[in-house]
Amino acid sequence: MILFSDAEWTVLEVLWQKDTFCLGEVVDALKPLTNWSRNTVHTYLTRMEAKQAVVIDRSGEPHQYSAAVSREQCARSERSKLLDKVYRGAAGDLIAAFLKESKISAEEREHLRGLLDDMDV
């Protein structure tokens, strides 16, 4: 399970927007969000490559950067981390806490009921 810092999530959010980027494009996309320098962005990208979260294609110039993990893979890891850390694996407790603290529409409530009815529990 790969876990990412908030800063790494920010980088991935940019990389998930299209297939490949050159470094300048990543820097430009992150600038309004982070104000990071080109060197900082490059450092994040190379560290994330070591974590196998980013692919760097060095076969041409400029190098091309892309996400090596999908948003869904990362979201799944984060959900699992939260479930294990805070709720000791008790999915029902997690769902109950969200439902107590959030307002949901009648449509969402029916959708959840349908999901629970369809589950093998």
N, C-alpha and C. Protein backbone atom coordinates (compact mmCIF):
# COMPACT_ATOMS: atom_id res chain seq x y z
N MET A 1 0.85 -1.18 0.00
CA MET A 1 0.00 0.00 0.00
C MET A 1 0.90 1.24 0.00
N ILE A 2 0.78 2.04 -1.04
CA ILE A 2 1.54 3.28 -1.14
C ILE A 2 0.70 4.40 -0.55
N LEU A 3 1.29 5.15 0.38
CA LEU A 3 0.59 6.29 0.97
C LEU A 3 1.32 7.56 0.56
N PHE A 4 0.55 8.60 0.31
CA PHE A 4 1.11 9.84 -0.20
C PHE A 4 0.83 10.99 0.74
N SER A 5 1.78 11.92 0.79
CA SER A 5 1.59 13.15 1.54
C SER A 5 0.61 14.04 0.78
N ASP A 6 0.15 15.09 1.44
CA ASP A 6 -0.75 16.04 0.77
C ASP A 6 -0.07 16.66 -0.44
N ALA A 7 1.21 16.96 -0.33
CA ALA A 7 1.95 17.55 -1.45
C ALA A 7 2.02 16.58 -2.62
N GLU A 8 2.26 15.31 -2.33
CA GLU A 8 2.31 14.30 -3.40
C GLU A 8 0.95 14.14 -4.06
N TRP A 9 -0.11 14.21 -3.27
CA TRP A 9 -1.47 14.15 -3.84
C TRP A 9 -1.67 15.32 -4.81
N THR A 10 -1.17 16.49 -4.43
CA THR A 10 -1.31 17.66 -5.29
C THR A 10 -0.60 17.42 -6.63
N VAL A 11 0.59 16.85 -6.58
CA VAL A 11 1.32 16.54 -7.81
C VAL A 11 0.52 15.52 -8.64
N LEU A 12 0.03 14.49 -7.99
CA LEU A 12 -0.74 13.47 -8.72
C LEU A 12 -2.01 14.04 -9.34
N GLU A 13 -2.67 14.93 -8.62
CA GLU A 13 -3.89 15.54 -9.18
C GLU A 13 -3.59 16.22 -10.51
N VAL A 14 -2.42 16.84 -10.62
CA VAL A 14 -2.02 17.45 -11.89
C VAL A 14 -1.75 16.36 -12.92
N LEU A 15 -0.97 15.35 -12.55
CA LEU A 15 -0.59 14.31 -13.51
C LEU A 15 -1.79 13.51 -14.00
N TRP A 16 -2.84 13.40 -13.22
CA TRP A 16 -4.03 12.66 -13.64
C TRP A 16 -4.85 13.41 -14.68
N GLN A 17 -4.51 14.66 -14.94
CA GLN A 17 -5.28 15.46 -15.88
C GLN A 17 -5.05 15.07 -17.34
N LYS A 18 -3.88 14.52 -17.66
CA LYS A 18 -3.63 14.05 -19.02
C LYS A 18 -2.53 12.99 -19.00
N ASP A 19 -2.25 12.40 -20.15
CA ASP A 19 -1.32 11.26 -20.20
C ASP A 19 0.11 11.60 -19.82
N THR A 20 0.67 12.65 -20.41
CA THR A 20 2.06 13.00 -20.12
C THR A 20 2.23 14.52 -20.05
N PHE A 21 3.25 14.92 -19.32
CA PHE A 21 3.61 16.32 -19.16
C PHE A 21 5.12 16.46 -19.28
N CYS A 22 5.58 17.58 -19.75
CA CYS A 22 6.99 17.91 -19.59
C CYS A 22 7.10 18.65 -18.25
N LEU A 23 8.32 18.80 -17.74
CA LEU A 23 8.50 19.40 -16.42
C LEU A 23 7.89 20.80 -16.34
N GLY A 24 8.09 21.60 -17.36
CA GLY A 24 7.55 22.96 -17.36
C GLY A 24 6.04 23.00 -17.21
N GLU A 25 5.37 22.05 -17.85
CA GLU A 25 3.91 21.99 -17.75
C GLU A 25 3.47 21.64 -16.33
N VAL A 26 4.19 20.73 -15.68
CA VAL A 26 3.86 20.38 -14.30
C VAL A 26 4.09 21.58 -13.40
N VAL A 27 5.21 22.25 -13.59
CA VAL A 27 5.53 23.44 -12.79
C VAL A 27 4.44 24.49 -12.97
N ASP A 28 4.05 24.76 -14.21
CA ASP A 28 3.02 25.77 -14.49
C ASP A 28 1.68 25.40 -13.87
N ALA A 29 1.33 24.12 -13.91
CA ALA A 29 0.05 23.68 -13.34
C ALA A 29 0.06 23.76 -11.81
N LEU A 30 1.22 23.52 -11.20
CA LEU A 30 1.31 23.55 -9.74
C LEU A 30 1.52 24.95 -9.17
N LYS A 31 2.04 25.86 -9.97
CA LYS A 31 2.39 27.21 -9.50
C LYS A 31 1.24 27.91 -8.77
N PRO A 32 0.03 27.96 -9.34
CA PRO A 32 -1.05 28.66 -8.63
C PRO A 32 -1.48 27.96 -7.33
N LEU A 33 -1.23 26.67 -7.25
CA LEU A 33 -1.65 25.90 -6.08
C LEU A 33 -0.60 25.91 -4.97
N THR A 34 0.68 25.92 -5.36
CA THR A 34 1.75 25.71 -4.39
C THR A 34 2.84 26.78 -4.38
N ASN A 35 3.00 27.46 -5.51
CA ASN A 35 4.09 28.43 -5.69
C ASN A 35 5.47 27.77 -5.57
N TRP A 36 5.54 26.47 -5.88
CA TRP A 36 6.82 25.75 -5.82
C TRP A 36 7.71 26.15 -6.97
N SER A 37 9.01 26.12 -6.72
CA SER A 37 9.99 26.38 -7.77
C SER A 37 10.11 25.15 -8.67
N ARG A 38 10.75 25.33 -9.79
CA ARG A 38 11.00 24.23 -10.73
C ARG A 38 11.79 23.10 -10.04
N ASN A 39 12.78 23.48 -9.23
CA ASN A 39 13.59 22.48 -8.53
C ASN A 39 12.76 21.67 -7.53
N THR A 40 11.86 22.32 -6.84
CA THR A 40 11.00 21.62 -5.87
C THR A 40 10.11 20.62 -6.59
N VAL A 41 9.51 21.03 -7.69
CA VAL A 41 8.65 20.13 -8.46
C VAL A 41 9.47 18.95 -8.97
N HIS A 42 10.64 19.22 -9.48
CA HIS A 42 11.50 18.14 -9.98
C HIS A 42 11.85 17.16 -8.85
N THR A 43 12.14 17.68 -7.68
CA THR A 43 12.46 16.84 -6.53
C THR A 43 11.27 15.94 -6.18
N TYR A 44 10.09 16.51 -6.14
CA TYR A 44 8.89 15.70 -5.87
C TYR A 44 8.74 14.60 -6.91
N LEU A 45 8.88 14.96 -8.16
CA LEU A 45 8.68 13.98 -9.23
C LEU A 45 9.69 12.84 -9.14
N THR A 46 10.94 13.15 -8.87
CA THR A 46 11.95 12.08 -8.80
C THR A 46 11.75 11.22 -7.55
N ARG A 47 11.37 11.83 -6.45
CA ARG A 47 11.07 11.04 -5.24
C ARG A 47 9.86 10.13 -5.47
N MET A 48 8.87 10.66 -6.16
CA MET A 48 7.67 9.88 -6.43
C MET A 48 7.95 8.77 -7.45
N GLU A 49 8.93 8.99 -8.32
CA GLU A 49 9.35 7.92 -9.22
C GLU A 49 9.93 6.77 -8.39
N ALA A 50 10.72 7.10 -7.38
CA ALA A 50 11.31 6.07 -6.52
C ALA A 50 10.23 5.28 -5.77
N LYS A 51 9.10 5.93 -5.50
CA LYS A 51 7.96 5.26 -4.85
C LYS A 51 7.09 4.53 -5.86
N GLN A 52 7.47 4.58 -7.13
CA GLN A 52 6.72 3.98 -8.23
C GLN A 52 5.33 4.61 -8.40
N ALA A 53 5.25 5.90 -8.12
CA ALA A 53 4.01 6.63 -8.31
C ALA A 53 4.04 7.47 -9.58
N VAL A 54 5.25 7.73 -10.08
CA VAL A 54 5.44 8.55 -11.27
C VAL A 54 6.37 7.81 -12.22
N VAL A 55 6.08 7.93 -13.51
CA VAL A 55 6.97 7.40 -14.54
C VAL A 55 7.64 8.59 -15.22
N ILE A 56 8.97 8.51 -15.33
CA ILE A 56 9.72 9.54 -16.03
C ILE A 56 10.34 8.89 -17.27
N ASP A 57 9.91 9.36 -18.43
CA ASP A 57 10.44 8.87 -19.71
C ASP A 57 11.61 9.77 -20.09
N ARG A 58 12.80 9.21 -19.95
CA ARG A 58 14.01 9.97 -20.22
C ARG A 58 14.56 9.71 -21.62
N SER A 59 13.77 9.06 -22.46
CA SER A 59 14.26 8.68 -23.80
C SER A 59 14.40 9.86 -24.75
N GLY A 60 13.76 10.95 -24.47
CA GLY A 60 13.85 12.13 -25.34
C GLY A 60 13.93 13.39 -24.52
N GLU A 61 14.03 14.49 -25.21
CA GLU A 61 14.04 15.80 -24.54
C GLU A 61 12.85 16.59 -25.03
N PRO A 62 12.10 17.21 -24.19
CA PRO A 62 12.22 17.15 -22.74
C PRO A 62 11.70 15.82 -22.19
N HIS A 63 12.14 15.49 -20.97
CA HIS A 63 11.63 14.28 -20.33
C HIS A 63 10.13 14.40 -20.14
N GLN A 64 9.46 13.26 -20.17
CA GLN A 64 8.01 13.23 -20.02
C GLN A 64 7.65 12.58 -18.68
N TYR A 65 6.67 13.16 -18.00
CA TYR A 65 6.25 12.71 -16.68
C TYR A 65 4.79 12.28 -16.74
N SER A 66 4.50 11.17 -16.08
CA SER A 66 3.12 10.70 -16.02
C SER A 66 2.89 9.95 -14.71
N ALA A 67 1.63 9.85 -14.33
CA ALA A 67 1.27 9.11 -13.13
C ALA A 67 1.39 7.61 -13.41
N ALA A 68 1.98 6.89 -12.45
CA ALA A 68 2.10 5.44 -12.57
C ALA A 68 1.00 4.72 -11.80
N VAL A 69 0.21 5.49 -11.07
CA VAL A 69 -0.89 4.95 -10.28
C VAL A 69 -2.15 5.72 -10.61
N SER A 70 -3.27 5.05 -10.55
CA SER A 70 -4.54 5.72 -10.84
C SER A 70 -5.09 6.41 -9.60
N ARG A 71 -5.98 7.32 -9.82
CA ARG A 71 -6.64 8.00 -8.70
C ARG A 71 -7.38 6.99 -7.84
N GLU A 72 -8.03 6.03 -8.48
CA GLU A 72 -8.79 5.02 -7.73
C GLU A 72 -7.87 4.16 -6.87
N GLN A 73 -6.69 3.79 -7.38
CA GLN A 73 -5.74 3.01 -6.57
C GLN A 73 -5.33 3.80 -5.32
N CYS A 74 -5.06 5.06 -5.51
CA CYS A 74 -4.65 5.90 -4.38
C CYS A 74 -5.80 6.11 -3.39
N ALA A 75 -6.98 6.34 -3.92
CA ALA A 75 -8.15 6.51 -3.05
C ALA A 75 -8.40 5.25 -2.24
N ARG A 76 -8.25 4.10 -2.86
CA ARG A 76 -8.45 2.82 -2.17
C ARG A 76 -7.45 2.68 -1.02
N SER A 77 -6.21 3.03 -1.27
CA SER A 77 -5.19 2.96 -0.22
C SER A 77 -5.51 3.90 0.94
N GLU A 78 -5.94 5.11 0.59
CA GLU A 78 -6.28 6.09 1.63
C GLU A 78 -7.48 5.63 2.46
N ARG A 79 -8.48 5.07 1.78
CA ARG A 79 -9.65 4.56 2.51
C ARG A 79 -9.25 3.43 3.46
N SER A 80 -8.40 2.55 2.97
CA SER A 80 -7.94 1.42 3.78
C SER A 80 -7.15 1.91 4.98
N LYS A 81 -6.29 2.90 4.76
CA LYS A 81 -5.50 3.48 5.85
C LYS A 81 -6.42 4.08 6.91
N LEU A 82 -7.40 4.86 6.48
CA LEU A 82 -8.33 5.49 7.41
C LEU A 82 -9.13 4.43 8.18
N LEU A 83 -9.63 3.46 7.46
CA LEU A 83 -10.42 2.40 8.08
C LEU A 83 -9.61 1.66 9.14
N ASP A 84 -8.38 1.29 8.81
CA ASP A 84 -7.54 0.55 9.76
C ASP A 84 -7.10 1.42 10.93
N LYS A 85 -6.66 2.63 10.63
CA LYS A 85 -6.10 3.51 11.65
C LYS A 85 -7.14 4.01 12.64
N VAL A 86 -8.24 4.50 12.14
CA VAL A 86 -9.22 5.16 12.99
C VAL A 86 -10.32 4.22 13.47
N TYR A 87 -10.74 3.29 12.61
CA TYR A 87 -11.89 2.46 12.94
C TYR A 87 -11.53 0.98 13.13
N ARG A 88 -10.23 0.69 13.19
CA ARG A 88 -9.74 -0.68 13.41
C ARG A 88 -10.40 -1.70 12.49
N GLY A 89 -10.61 -1.27 11.26
CA GLY A 89 -11.15 -2.17 10.24
C GLY A 89 -12.66 -2.31 10.23
N ALA A 90 -13.35 -1.60 11.10
CA ALA A 90 -14.82 -1.71 11.20
C ALA A 90 -15.48 -0.76 10.21
N ALA A 91 -15.79 -1.27 9.02
CA ALA A 91 -16.38 -0.44 7.96
C ALA A 91 -17.72 0.15 8.38
N GLY A 92 -18.51 -0.61 9.10
CA GLY A 92 -19.81 -0.12 9.55
C GLY A 92 -19.68 1.11 10.43
N ASP A 93 -18.67 1.12 11.32
CA ASP A 93 -18.45 2.28 12.18
C ASP A 93 -18.04 3.50 11.37
N LEU A 94 -17.22 3.29 10.36
CA LEU A 94 -16.80 4.39 9.49
C LEU A 94 -18.00 4.98 8.76
N ILE A 95 -18.81 4.13 8.18
CA ILE A 95 -19.98 4.60 7.44
C ILE A 95 -20.95 5.31 8.37
N ALA A 96 -21.18 4.73 9.55
CA ALA A 96 -22.10 5.35 10.51
C ALA A 96 -21.60 6.74 10.91
N ALA A 97 -20.30 6.89 11.13
CA ALA A 97 -19.74 8.19 11.50
C ALA A 97 -19.95 9.21 10.39
N PHE A 98 -19.70 8.81 9.14
CA PHE A 98 -19.92 9.72 8.02
C PHE A 98 -21.39 10.12 7.92
N LEU A 99 -22.28 9.17 8.09
CA LEU A 99 -23.70 9.46 7.95
C LEU A 99 -24.21 10.34 9.08
N LYS A 100 -23.68 10.19 10.28
CA LYS A 100 -24.08 11.03 11.41
C LYS A 100 -23.61 12.46 11.23
N GLU A 101 -22.46 12.63 10.58
CA GLU A 101 -21.85 13.95 10.48
C GLU A 101 -22.11 14.65 9.16
N SER A 102 -22.78 13.99 8.24
CA SER A 102 -23.04 14.57 6.93
C SER A 102 -24.52 14.45 6.60
N LYS A 103 -25.00 15.42 5.88
CA LYS A 103 -26.38 15.34 5.40
C LYS A 103 -26.36 14.65 4.04
N ILE A 104 -27.27 13.71 3.86
CA ILE A 104 -27.39 13.06 2.56
C ILE A 104 -28.83 13.20 2.08
N SER A 105 -28.97 13.20 0.80
CA SER A 105 -30.30 13.36 0.21
C SER A 105 -31.06 12.03 0.29
N ALA A 106 -32.35 12.11 0.07
CA ALA A 106 -33.18 10.90 0.04
C ALA A 106 -32.69 9.96 -1.07
N GLU A 107 -32.27 10.53 -2.17
CA GLU A 107 -31.77 9.72 -3.29
C GLU A 107 -30.49 8.98 -2.89
N GLU A 108 -29.57 9.69 -2.21
CA GLU A 108 -28.35 9.04 -1.74
C GLU A 108 -28.66 7.94 -0.72
N ARG A 109 -29.62 8.21 0.16
CA ARG A 109 -30.01 7.23 1.17
C ARG A 109 -30.55 5.96 0.51
N GLU A 110 -31.37 6.12 -0.51
CA GLU A 110 -31.91 4.96 -1.22
C GLU A 110 -30.80 4.20 -1.96
N HIS A 111 -29.87 4.94 -2.52
CA HIS A 111 -28.75 4.31 -3.20
C HIS A 111 -27.94 3.46 -2.22
N LEU A 112 -27.68 4.02 -1.03
CA LEU A 112 -26.94 3.27 0.00
C LEU A 112 -27.71 2.03 0.44
N ARG A 113 -28.99 2.17 0.61
CA ARG A 113 -29.82 1.00 0.97
C ARG A 113 -29.70 -0.08 -0.08
N GLY A 114 -29.76 0.33 -1.33
CA GLY A 114 -29.62 -0.63 -2.43
C GLY A 114 -28.28 -1.33 -2.42
N LEU A 115 -27.22 -0.56 -2.15
CA LEU A 115 -25.89 -1.16 -2.08
C LEU A 115 -25.80 -2.18 -0.96
N LEU A 116 -26.34 -1.81 0.19
CA LEU A 116 -26.31 -2.75 1.33
C LEU A 116 -27.14 -3.99 1.04
N ASP A 117 -28.29 -3.83 0.40
CA ASP A 117 -29.13 -4.97 0.07
C ASP A 117 -28.44 -5.91 -0.92
N ASP A 118 -27.63 -5.33 -1.82
CA ASP A 118 -26.95 -6.14 -2.84
C ASP A 118 -25.68 -6.83 -2.31
N MET A 119 -25.22 -6.41 -1.15
CA MET A 119 -23.98 -6.99 -0.63
C MET A 119 -24.22 -8.35 0.00
N ASP A 120 -23.21 -9.17 -0.08
CA ASP A 120 -23.24 -10.46 0.61
C ASP A 120 -22.66 -10.26 2.00
N VAL A 121 -23.54 -9.96 2.96
CA VAL A 121 -23.07 -9.75 4.34
C VAL A 121 -23.76 -10.72 5.28
